[in-house]
Amino acid sequence: MQNGSNNPYDYYKKTAVFWSDMITMMSSKPTALSAVGPLRNLSTNMKKITAEITEANKEIVEFNNFLIEYYKQLSQTWTDAQNEVTAKTSQLPKDEEGTEAYKRVWIDNFENYFTGLFDSKKFSENYNKLISKELDLMKRWNVVMDVMLKSANMPTKQEIDEIYKELHSLKQKISKLESSTKKSDKNDAE
């Protein structure tokens, strides 16, 4: 089965879209007419959910690649720092003074190595991409959740956030009214 591309993600995406189209087509008119409630809404939104999840899978792979590189950089830095500590401290005496010297060498070495790592362009680029992919994934999952919540006639996260803002605003207004009422009652009593 040739798909014209050697990229497994493209094949996965085409397969997911194909099956999503088939389900949409099969569940369109006759099923939609007989379906009621959230199932009817969910069947009409299934294509969007499938598209979002397909893209999320690609982003998960990219995120994992950045995460692997992140831990690879950390472990390589740890190994390099520990090797240098071992080389520097192999001739130290095995007494209390030697132990204190070992601690100083270990702290200085690890501080230098990890400061160098965290200041490096390679580390910061990878870390920025890692965080960026994580945020992209969260946005994508929020879209999926919003579609599913709308299908179930439930409020979305954005709608709930708006309600909380309005409640907060109302609480502030009530608080101001109560304090002004107390002041006017106090002035009337005098």
Protein backbone atom coordinates (compact mmCIF):
# COMPACT_ATOMS: atom_id res chain seq x y z
CA MET A 1 0.00 0.00 0.00
CA GLN A 2 1.83 3.09 -1.23
CA ASN A 3 0.79 6.43 0.19
CA GLY A 4 3.26 8.65 -1.70
CA SER A 5 5.07 9.65 1.48
CA ASN A 6 7.48 7.87 3.77
CA ASN A 7 6.43 9.97 6.75
CA PRO A 8 4.47 7.76 9.18
CA TYR A 9 2.67 10.80 10.56
CA ASP A 10 1.25 11.67 7.12
CA TYR A 11 -0.01 8.11 6.73
CA TYR A 12 -1.55 8.23 10.22
CA LYS A 13 -3.18 11.59 9.48
CA LYS A 14 -4.63 10.40 6.15
CA THR A 15 -5.96 7.23 7.79
CA ALA A 16 -7.54 9.18 10.67
CA VAL A 17 -9.15 11.67 8.29
CA PHE A 18 -10.42 8.81 6.09
CA TRP A 19 -12.08 7.03 9.01
CA SER A 20 -13.41 10.29 10.39
CA ASP A 21 -14.98 11.04 6.98
CA MET A 22 -16.45 7.53 6.82
CA ILE A 23 -17.98 7.85 10.30
CA THR A 24 -19.32 11.29 9.47
CA MET A 25 -20.81 10.06 6.22
CA MET A 26 -22.31 6.97 7.83
CA SER A 27 -23.74 8.92 10.75
CA SER A 28 -24.99 11.88 8.77
CA LYS A 29 -28.64 11.94 7.80
CA PRO A 30 -30.39 8.76 8.98
CA THR A 31 -28.50 8.51 12.26
CA ALA A 32 -28.55 12.23 12.92
CA LEU A 33 -32.30 12.29 12.48
CA SER A 34 -32.80 9.54 15.02
CA ALA A 35 -30.05 10.63 17.44
CA VAL A 36 -30.96 13.01 20.22
CA GLY A 37 -29.07 15.09 22.72
CA PRO A 38 -25.31 15.11 23.06
CA LEU A 39 -24.77 12.09 20.79
CA ARG A 40 -26.19 13.97 17.82
CA ASN A 41 -23.96 16.96 18.54
CA LEU A 42 -20.96 14.73 19.15
CA SER A 43 -21.44 12.88 15.87
CA THR A 44 -21.52 16.17 13.98
CA ASN A 45 -18.37 17.39 15.77
CA MET A 46 -16.44 14.11 15.48
CA LYS A 47 -14.49 15.28 12.43
CA LYS A 48 -13.17 18.36 14.27
CA ILE A 49 -12.24 16.27 17.32
CA THR A 50 -10.42 13.73 15.13
CA ALA A 51 -8.51 16.48 13.32
CA GLU A 52 -7.45 18.07 16.62
CA ILE A 53 -6.36 14.75 18.14
CA THR A 54 -4.42 13.86 14.98
CA GLU A 55 -2.52 17.14 15.16
CA ALA A 56 -2.03 16.66 18.91
CA ASN A 57 -0.38 13.29 18.26
CA LYS A 58 2.14 14.96 15.96
CA GLU A 59 2.85 17.59 18.61
CA ILE A 60 3.27 14.90 21.27
CA VAL A 61 5.98 13.25 19.16
CA GLU A 62 7.75 16.60 18.71
CA PHE A 63 7.38 17.38 22.44
CA ASN A 64 8.88 14.00 23.34
CA ASN A 65 11.85 14.62 21.02
CA PHE A 66 12.55 17.94 22.75
CA LEU A 67 12.11 16.30 26.15
CA ILE A 68 14.57 13.54 25.25
CA GLU A 69 17.11 16.16 24.16
CA TYR A 70 16.53 18.08 27.42
CA TYR A 71 17.28 15.05 29.58
CA LYS A 72 20.16 14.06 27.32
CA GLN A 73 21.79 17.46 27.86
CA LEU A 74 21.24 17.27 31.62
CA SER A 75 22.63 13.74 31.93
CA GLN A 76 25.64 14.51 29.73
CA THR A 77 26.45 17.57 31.82
CA TRP A 78 26.10 15.54 35.01
CA THR A 79 28.40 12.83 33.65
CA ASP A 80 31.03 15.33 32.47
CA ALA A 81 30.98 17.18 35.79
CA GLN A 82 31.20 13.96 37.80
CA ASN A 83 34.10 12.67 35.67
CA GLU A 84 36.03 15.89 36.30
CA VAL A 85 35.29 15.72 40.04
CA THR A 86 36.58 12.14 40.11
CA ALA A 87 39.74 13.13 38.25
CA LYS A 88 40.41 16.12 40.52
CA THR A 89 39.70 14.32 43.80
CA SER A 90 41.35 10.96 43.19
CA GLN A 91 44.49 12.02 45.07
CA LEU A 92 42.76 13.68 48.04
CA PRO A 93 43.42 12.19 51.46
CA LYS A 94 40.68 10.08 53.04
CA ASP A 95 40.30 12.21 56.15
CA GLU A 96 38.05 15.05 57.27
CA GLU A 97 40.05 17.64 55.34
CA GLY A 98 39.85 15.50 52.20
CA THR A 99 36.08 15.19 52.60
CA GLU A 100 35.69 18.96 52.88
CA ALA A 101 37.94 19.46 49.84
CA TYR A 102 35.86 16.91 47.92
CA LYS A 103 32.66 18.83 48.76
CA ARG A 104 34.17 22.13 47.57
CA VAL A 105 35.43 20.57 44.32
CA TRP A 106 32.07 18.85 43.72
CA ILE A 107 30.03 22.03 44.34
CA ASP A 108 32.32 24.24 42.23
CA ASN A 109 32.50 21.77 39.38
CA PHE A 110 28.76 21.12 39.19
CA GLU A 111 28.00 24.81 39.50
CA ASN A 112 30.34 25.63 36.61
CA TYR A 113 29.11 22.82 34.37
CA PHE A 114 25.40 23.45 34.92
CA THR A 115 25.78 27.22 34.67
CA GLY A 116 27.50 26.64 31.34
CA LEU A 117 24.69 24.34 30.24
CA PHE A 118 21.91 26.73 31.26
CA ASP A 119 23.70 29.65 29.58
CA SER A 120 24.25 27.74 26.34
CA LYS A 121 22.29 28.62 23.21
CA LYS A 122 21.63 24.95 22.42
CA PHE A 123 19.99 24.34 25.80
CA SER A 124 17.85 27.49 25.72
CA GLU A 125 16.65 26.82 22.15
CA ASN A 126 15.64 23.26 23.01
CA TYR A 127 13.99 24.34 26.28
CA ASN A 128 12.03 27.10 24.52
CA LYS A 129 10.81 24.62 21.89
CA LEU A 130 9.85 22.16 24.66
CA ILE A 131 7.77 24.77 26.49
CA SER A 132 6.26 26.03 23.22
CA LYS A 133 5.13 22.51 22.25
CA GLU A 134 3.67 21.98 25.70
CA LEU A 135 1.61 25.17 25.34
CA ASP A 136 0.51 24.14 21.82
CA LEU A 137 -0.65 20.80 23.21
CA MET A 138 -2.59 22.47 26.00
CA LYS A 139 -4.31 24.76 23.48
CA ARG A 140 -5.19 21.81 21.28
CA TRP A 141 -6.60 19.81 24.20
CA ASN A 142 -8.62 22.85 25.28
CA VAL A 143 -10.15 23.01 21.79
CA VAL A 144 -11.06 19.30 21.99
CA MET A 145 -12.57 19.78 25.44
CA ASP A 146 -14.55 22.82 24.28
CA VAL A 147 -15.99 20.86 21.33
CA MET A 148 -16.91 17.95 23.61
CA LEU A 149 -18.43 20.24 26.24
CA LYS A 150 -20.45 22.10 23.61
CA SER A 151 -21.63 18.75 22.25
CA ALA A 152 -22.88 17.86 25.72
CA ASN A 153 -24.53 21.28 26.14
CA MET A 154 -22.10 22.11 28.94
CA PRO A 155 -20.36 25.46 29.43
CA THR A 156 -16.86 25.71 28.00
CA LYS A 157 -13.80 26.80 29.96
CA GLN A 158 -13.95 30.24 28.37
CA GLU A 159 -17.61 30.64 29.34
CA ILE A 160 -16.87 29.57 32.92
CA ASP A 161 -13.93 31.99 33.09
CA GLU A 162 -16.23 34.80 31.93
CA ILE A 163 -18.74 33.87 34.64
CA TYR A 164 -15.99 33.94 37.29
CA LYS A 165 -14.86 37.39 36.10
CA GLU A 166 -18.42 38.65 36.29
CA LEU A 167 -18.86 37.18 39.78
CA HIS A 168 -15.63 38.81 40.91
CA SER A 169 -16.79 42.15 39.51
CA LEU A 170 -20.17 41.78 41.24
CA LYS A 171 -18.48 40.95 44.56
CA GLN A 172 -16.37 44.10 44.28
CA LYS A 173 -19.44 46.22 43.50
CA ILE A 174 -21.37 44.71 46.43
CA SER A 175 -18.43 45.29 48.74
CA LYS A 176 -18.23 48.96 47.67
CA LEU A 177 -22.00 49.37 48.13
CA GLU A 178 -21.84 47.80 51.61
CA SER A 179 -18.97 50.05 52.67
CA SER A 180 -20.70 53.17 51.33
CA THR A 181 -23.94 52.10 53.06
CA LYS A 182 -22.08 51.65 56.36
CA LYS A 183 -20.49 55.09 55.95
CA SER A 184 -23.83 56.75 55.20
CA ASP A 185 -25.47 54.94 58.17
CA LYS A 186 -22.62 56.08 60.40
CA ASN A 187 -22.96 59.67 59.16
CA ASP A 188 -26.76 59.57 59.68
CA ALA A 189 -26.29 58.30 63.25
CA GLU A 190 -24.02 61.22 64.13
